[in-house]
Amino acid sequence: MSEREPAEPVREQRFSISHQDRQGRTREGVFLYRRPSLRDLLRIEAERARLCEGQPVDREFQVLASMLARLKVVLREVPTWLRWDEVEDLGLLTRISEEVDRLEGDWFRGDDAGGGGATAGARTSERADAALPAAALVGAEVRPSAHQR
């Protein structure tokens, strides 16, 4: 019997949202989310810095710039009505960000549809009680530094 490799977790996922703004206008659309790579994480930080124009800004603006930068990088496809440089509805950005948070949370918990496990594509419930042994935190005694000897 050959041992199978666990399935690669899903890296991309489409989701749709419907958002009604304070004026009663409804925005609906489909987005393509892609889990960020290490390089994408650098791009997110570079975009955040660009949005702040390298200037120190108040905490709430740092949060806004971080949210916008993250969405601009991880959302590979957005509806045609969404123009990043023209967004005025913070509620819309928050709604999209919440959905991205949910997708990332599902991935980190292993709830995504293609998640691995003991067998490829195993459902969460099948691997929920399958514990993995943890590595020892400290393998050997740590010697004191030179100034403490």
C-alpha atoms as a PDB file:
ATOM      1  CA  MET A   1       0.000   0.000   0.000  1.00  0.00           C
ATOM      2  CA  SER A   2       1.494   3.362  -0.997  1.00  0.00           C
ATOM      3  CA  GLU A   3       1.307   6.325   1.336  1.00  0.00           C
ATOM      4  CA  ARG A   4      -0.298   9.377  -0.258  1.00  0.00           C
ATOM      5  CA  GLU A   5       0.872  12.921   0.210  1.00  0.00           C
ATOM      6  CA  PRO A   6      -1.651  15.245   1.906  1.00  0.00           C
ATOM      7  CA  ALA A   7      -3.567  17.464  -0.501  1.00  0.00           C
ATOM      8  CA  GLU A   8      -2.191  20.961  -1.010  1.00  0.00           C
ATOM      9  CA  PRO A   9      -4.528  23.450   0.688  1.00  0.00           C
ATOM     10  CA  VAL A  10      -6.543  25.624  -1.669  1.00  0.00           C
ATOM     11  CA  ARG A  11      -4.594  28.809  -2.430  1.00  0.00           C
ATOM     12  CA  GLU A  12      -7.324  30.657  -4.312  1.00  0.00           C
ATOM     13  CA  GLN A  13     -10.998  31.001  -3.627  1.00  0.00           C
ATOM     14  CA  ARG A  14     -13.836  33.042  -5.066  1.00  0.00           C
ATOM     15  CA  PHE A  15     -16.397  34.721  -2.868  1.00  0.00           C
ATOM     16  CA  SER A  16     -19.227  37.121  -3.445  1.00  0.00           C
ATOM     17  CA  ILE A  17     -20.586  39.918  -1.341  1.00  0.00           C
ATOM     18  CA  SER A  18     -23.577  42.191  -1.356  1.00  0.00           C
ATOM     19  CA  HIS A  19     -23.222  45.497   0.469  1.00  0.00           C
ATOM     20  CA  GLN A  20     -25.718  48.291   0.869  1.00  0.00           C
ATOM     21  CA  ASP A  21     -24.295  51.725   1.662  1.00  0.00           C
ATOM     22  CA  ARG A  22     -25.943  54.473   3.738  1.00  0.00           C
ATOM     23  CA  GLN A  23     -27.576  55.965   0.656  1.00  0.00           C
ATOM     24  CA  GLY A  24     -29.270  52.640  -0.109  1.00  0.00           C
ATOM     25  CA  ARG A  25     -27.072  51.733  -3.107  1.00  0.00           C
ATOM     26  CA  THR A  26     -26.246  48.048  -3.324  1.00  0.00           C
ATOM     27  CA  ARG A  27     -22.873  46.831  -4.518  1.00  0.00           C
ATOM     28  CA  GLU A  28     -22.600  43.175  -5.464  1.00  0.00           C
ATOM     29  CA  GLY A  29     -19.707  41.305  -6.925  1.00  0.00           C
ATOM     30  CA  VAL A  30     -17.411  38.336  -7.063  1.00  0.00           C
ATOM     31  CA  PHE A  31     -13.830  38.514  -5.789  1.00  0.00           C
ATOM     32  CA  LEU A  32     -10.885  36.167  -6.267  1.00  0.00           C
ATOM     33  CA  TYR A  33      -8.840  35.793  -3.092  1.00  0.00           C
ATOM     34  CA  ARG A  34      -5.347  34.312  -3.164  1.00  0.00           C
ATOM     35  CA  ARG A  35      -3.607  33.388   0.075  1.00  0.00           C
ATOM     36  CA  PRO A  36      -0.531  35.634   0.287  1.00  0.00           C
ATOM     37  CA  SER A  37       2.939  34.255  -0.264  1.00  0.00           C
ATOM     38  CA  LEU A  38       5.979  35.608   1.574  1.00  0.00           C
ATOM     39  CA  ARG A  39       6.622  37.987  -1.295  1.00  0.00           C
ATOM     40  CA  ASP A  40       3.003  39.156  -1.139  1.00  0.00           C
ATOM     41  CA  LEU A  41       3.476  39.984   2.547  1.00  0.00           C
ATOM     42  CA  LEU A  42       6.353  42.264   1.537  1.00  0.00           C
ATOM     43  CA  ARG A  43       4.182  43.819  -1.172  1.00  0.00           C
ATOM     44  CA  ILE A  44       1.443  44.490   1.394  1.00  0.00           C
ATOM     45  CA  GLU A  45       3.876  46.346   3.639  1.00  0.00           C
ATOM     46  CA  ALA A  46       5.326  48.287   0.693  1.00  0.00           C
ATOM     47  CA  GLU A  47       1.814  49.310  -0.405  1.00  0.00           C
ATOM     48  CA  ARG A  48       0.942  50.374   3.161  1.00  0.00           C
ATOM     49  CA  ALA A  49       4.037  52.561   3.273  1.00  0.00           C
ATOM     50  CA  ARG A  50       3.184  54.008  -0.153  1.00  0.00           C
ATOM     51  CA  LEU A  51      -0.353  54.848   0.969  1.00  0.00           C
ATOM     52  CA  CYS A  52       1.036  56.696   4.010  1.00  0.00           C
ATOM     53  CA  GLU A  53       3.614  58.389   1.757  1.00  0.00           C
ATOM     54  CA  GLY A  54       6.332  57.522   4.248  1.00  0.00           C
ATOM     55  CA  GLN A  55       4.838  59.946   6.761  1.00  0.00           C
ATOM     56  CA  PRO A  56       3.879  59.189  10.351  1.00  0.00           C
ATOM     57  CA  VAL A  57       0.098  58.979  10.560  1.00  0.00           C
ATOM     58  CA  ASP A  58      -2.401  58.469  13.374  1.00  0.00           C
ATOM     59  CA  ARG A  59      -3.215  54.918  14.453  1.00  0.00           C
ATOM     60  CA  GLU A  60      -6.633  54.820  12.742  1.00  0.00           C
ATOM     61  CA  PHE A  61      -5.047  55.803   9.432  1.00  0.00           C
ATOM     62  CA  GLN A  62      -2.368  53.140   9.862  1.00  0.00           C
ATOM     63  CA  VAL A  63      -5.153  50.571  10.313  1.00  0.00           C
ATOM     64  CA  LEU A  64      -6.980  51.870   7.239  1.00  0.00           C
ATOM     65  CA  ALA A  65      -3.797  51.833   5.135  1.00  0.00           C
ATOM     66  CA  SER A  66      -2.987  48.283   6.300  1.00  0.00           C
ATOM     67  CA  MET A  67      -6.486  47.055   5.436  1.00  0.00           C
ATOM     68  CA  LEU A  68      -6.488  48.686   2.008  1.00  0.00           C
ATOM     69  CA  ALA A  69      -2.949  47.482   1.181  1.00  0.00           C
ATOM     70  CA  ARG A  70      -3.790  43.906   2.174  1.00  0.00           C
ATOM     71  CA  LEU A  71      -6.975  43.840   0.108  1.00  0.00           C
ATOM     72  CA  LYS A  72      -5.202  45.308  -2.926  1.00  0.00           C
ATOM     73  CA  VAL A  73      -2.628  42.484  -2.850  1.00  0.00           C
ATOM     74  CA  VAL A  74      -4.670  39.414  -1.857  1.00  0.00           C
ATOM     75  CA  LEU A  75      -7.687  40.157  -4.073  1.00  0.00           C
ATOM     76  CA  ARG A  76      -6.512  39.201  -7.541  1.00  0.00           C
ATOM     77  CA  GLU A  77      -9.858  39.950  -9.213  1.00  0.00           C
ATOM     78  CA  VAL A  78     -12.447  42.482  -8.120  1.00  0.00           C
ATOM     79  CA  PRO A  79     -15.700  43.724  -9.681  1.00  0.00           C
ATOM     80  CA  THR A  80     -15.318  46.502 -12.244  1.00  0.00           C
ATOM     81  CA  TRP A  81     -17.126  48.978  -9.991  1.00  0.00           C
ATOM     82  CA  LEU A  82     -14.381  48.727  -7.340  1.00  0.00           C
ATOM     83  CA  ARG A  83     -11.666  51.288  -7.987  1.00  0.00           C
ATOM     84  CA  TRP A  84      -9.177  51.218  -5.128  1.00  0.00           C
ATOM     85  CA  ASP A  85      -8.133  54.861  -5.441  1.00  0.00           C
ATOM     86  CA  GLU A  86     -11.752  56.043  -5.398  1.00  0.00           C
ATOM     87  CA  VAL A  87     -13.211  54.032  -2.499  1.00  0.00           C
ATOM     88  CA  GLU A  88     -15.119  56.268  -0.083  1.00  0.00           C
ATOM     89  CA  ASP A  89     -17.237  53.700   1.767  1.00  0.00           C
ATOM     90  CA  LEU A  90     -15.394  52.406   4.829  1.00  0.00           C
ATOM     91  CA  GLY A  91     -18.279  49.997   5.463  1.00  0.00           C
ATOM     92  CA  LEU A  92     -17.669  48.376   2.075  1.00  0.00           C
ATOM     93  CA  LEU A  93     -13.948  47.950   2.770  1.00  0.00           C
ATOM     94  CA  THR A  94     -14.741  46.530   6.193  1.00  0.00           C
ATOM     95  CA  ARG A  95     -17.252  44.067   4.703  1.00  0.00           C
ATOM     96  CA  ILE A  96     -14.711  42.845   2.115  1.00  0.00           C
ATOM     97  CA  SER A  97     -11.981  42.645   4.763  1.00  0.00           C
ATOM     98  CA  GLU A  98     -14.231  40.575   7.054  1.00  0.00           C
ATOM     99  CA  GLU A  99     -14.780  38.052   4.256  1.00  0.00           C
ATOM    100  CA  VAL A 100     -11.025  37.847   3.598  1.00  0.00           C
ATOM    101  CA  ASP A 101     -10.484  37.348   7.352  1.00  0.00           C
ATOM    102  CA  ARG A 102     -13.011  34.505   7.299  1.00  0.00           C
ATOM    103  CA  LEU A 103     -11.282  32.798   4.364  1.00  0.00           C
ATOM    104  CA  GLU A 104      -7.866  33.128   6.006  1.00  0.00           C
ATOM    105  CA  GLY A 105      -9.249  31.899   9.308  1.00  0.00           C
ATOM    106  CA  ASP A 106     -10.731  28.838   7.585  1.00  0.00           C
ATOM    107  CA  TRP A 107      -7.375  28.132   5.958  1.00  0.00           C
ATOM    108  CA  PHE A 108      -5.380  28.464   9.174  1.00  0.00           C
ATOM    109  CA  ARG A 109      -7.868  26.233  11.018  1.00  0.00           C
ATOM    110  CA  GLY A 110      -7.728  23.705   8.162  1.00  0.00           C
ATOM    111  CA  ASP A 111     -11.374  24.143   7.159  1.00  0.00           C
ATOM    112  CA  ASP A 112     -10.701  24.819   3.464  1.00  0.00           C
ATOM    113  CA  ALA A 113     -12.244  22.405   0.977  1.00  0.00           C
ATOM    114  CA  GLY A 114      -8.964  20.962  -0.260  1.00  0.00           C
ATOM    115  CA  GLY A 115      -7.371  20.703   3.168  1.00  0.00           C
ATOM    116  CA  GLY A 116      -5.001  17.862   3.840  1.00  0.00           C
ATOM    117  CA  GLY A 117      -5.060  15.572   6.826  1.00  0.00           C
ATOM    118  CA  ALA A 118      -4.461  11.867   7.188  1.00  0.00           C
ATOM    119  CA  THR A 119      -5.851  11.372   3.702  1.00  0.00           C
ATOM    120  CA  ALA A 120      -5.998  13.818   0.846  1.00  0.00           C
ATOM    121  CA  GLY A 121      -9.090  15.998   1.025  1.00  0.00           C
ATOM    122  CA  ALA A 122     -10.052  14.797   4.521  1.00  0.00           C
ATOM    123  CA  ARG A 123     -12.894  16.799   6.021  1.00  0.00           C
ATOM    124  CA  THR A 124     -12.246  18.747   9.188  1.00  0.00           C
ATOM    125  CA  SER A 125     -14.381  16.398  11.275  1.00  0.00           C
ATOM    126  CA  GLU A 126     -12.257  13.414  10.158  1.00  0.00           C
ATOM    127  CA  ARG A 127      -9.046  14.950  11.442  1.00  0.00           C
ATOM    128  CA  ALA A 128     -10.365  16.986  14.362  1.00  0.00           C
ATOM    129  CA  ASP A 129      -9.225  14.523  17.022  1.00  0.00           C
ATOM    130  CA  ALA A 130      -6.074  13.333  15.268  1.00  0.00           C
ATOM    131  CA  ALA A 131      -3.384  14.950  17.384  1.00  0.00           C
ATOM    132  CA  LEU A 132       0.103  15.510  16.066  1.00  0.00           C
ATOM    133  CA  PRO A 133       3.063  15.183  18.425  1.00  0.00           C
ATOM    134  CA  ALA A 134       4.671  18.493  19.270  1.00  0.00           C
ATOM    135  CA  ALA A 135       8.434  18.922  19.099  1.00  0.00           C
ATOM    136  CA  ALA A 136      10.205  19.624  22.328  1.00  0.00           C
ATOM    137  CA  LEU A 137      10.595  23.346  22.949  1.00  0.00           C
ATOM    138  CA  VAL A 138      14.109  23.079  24.378  1.00  0.00           C
ATOM    139  CA  GLY A 139      16.276  20.189  23.258  1.00  0.00           C
ATOM    140  CA  ALA A 140      19.351  20.872  25.365  1.00  0.00           C
ATOM    141  CA  GLU A 141      20.369  23.029  28.279  1.00  0.00           C
ATOM    142  CA  VAL A 142      21.084  26.568  27.222  1.00  0.00           C
ATOM    143  CA  ARG A 143      24.431  27.880  28.438  1.00  0.00           C
ATOM    144  CA  PRO A 144      24.470  31.349  29.998  1.00  0.00           C
ATOM    145  CA  SER A 145      25.863  34.119  27.870  1.00  0.00           C
ATOM    146  CA  ALA A 146      29.489  35.212  28.391  1.00  0.00           C
ATOM    147  CA  HIS A 147      28.642  38.193  30.593  1.00  0.00           C
ATOM    148  CA  GLN A 148      26.658  35.947  32.980  1.00  0.00           C
ATOM    149  CA  ARG A 149      29.474  33.378  33.519  1.00  0.00           C
END
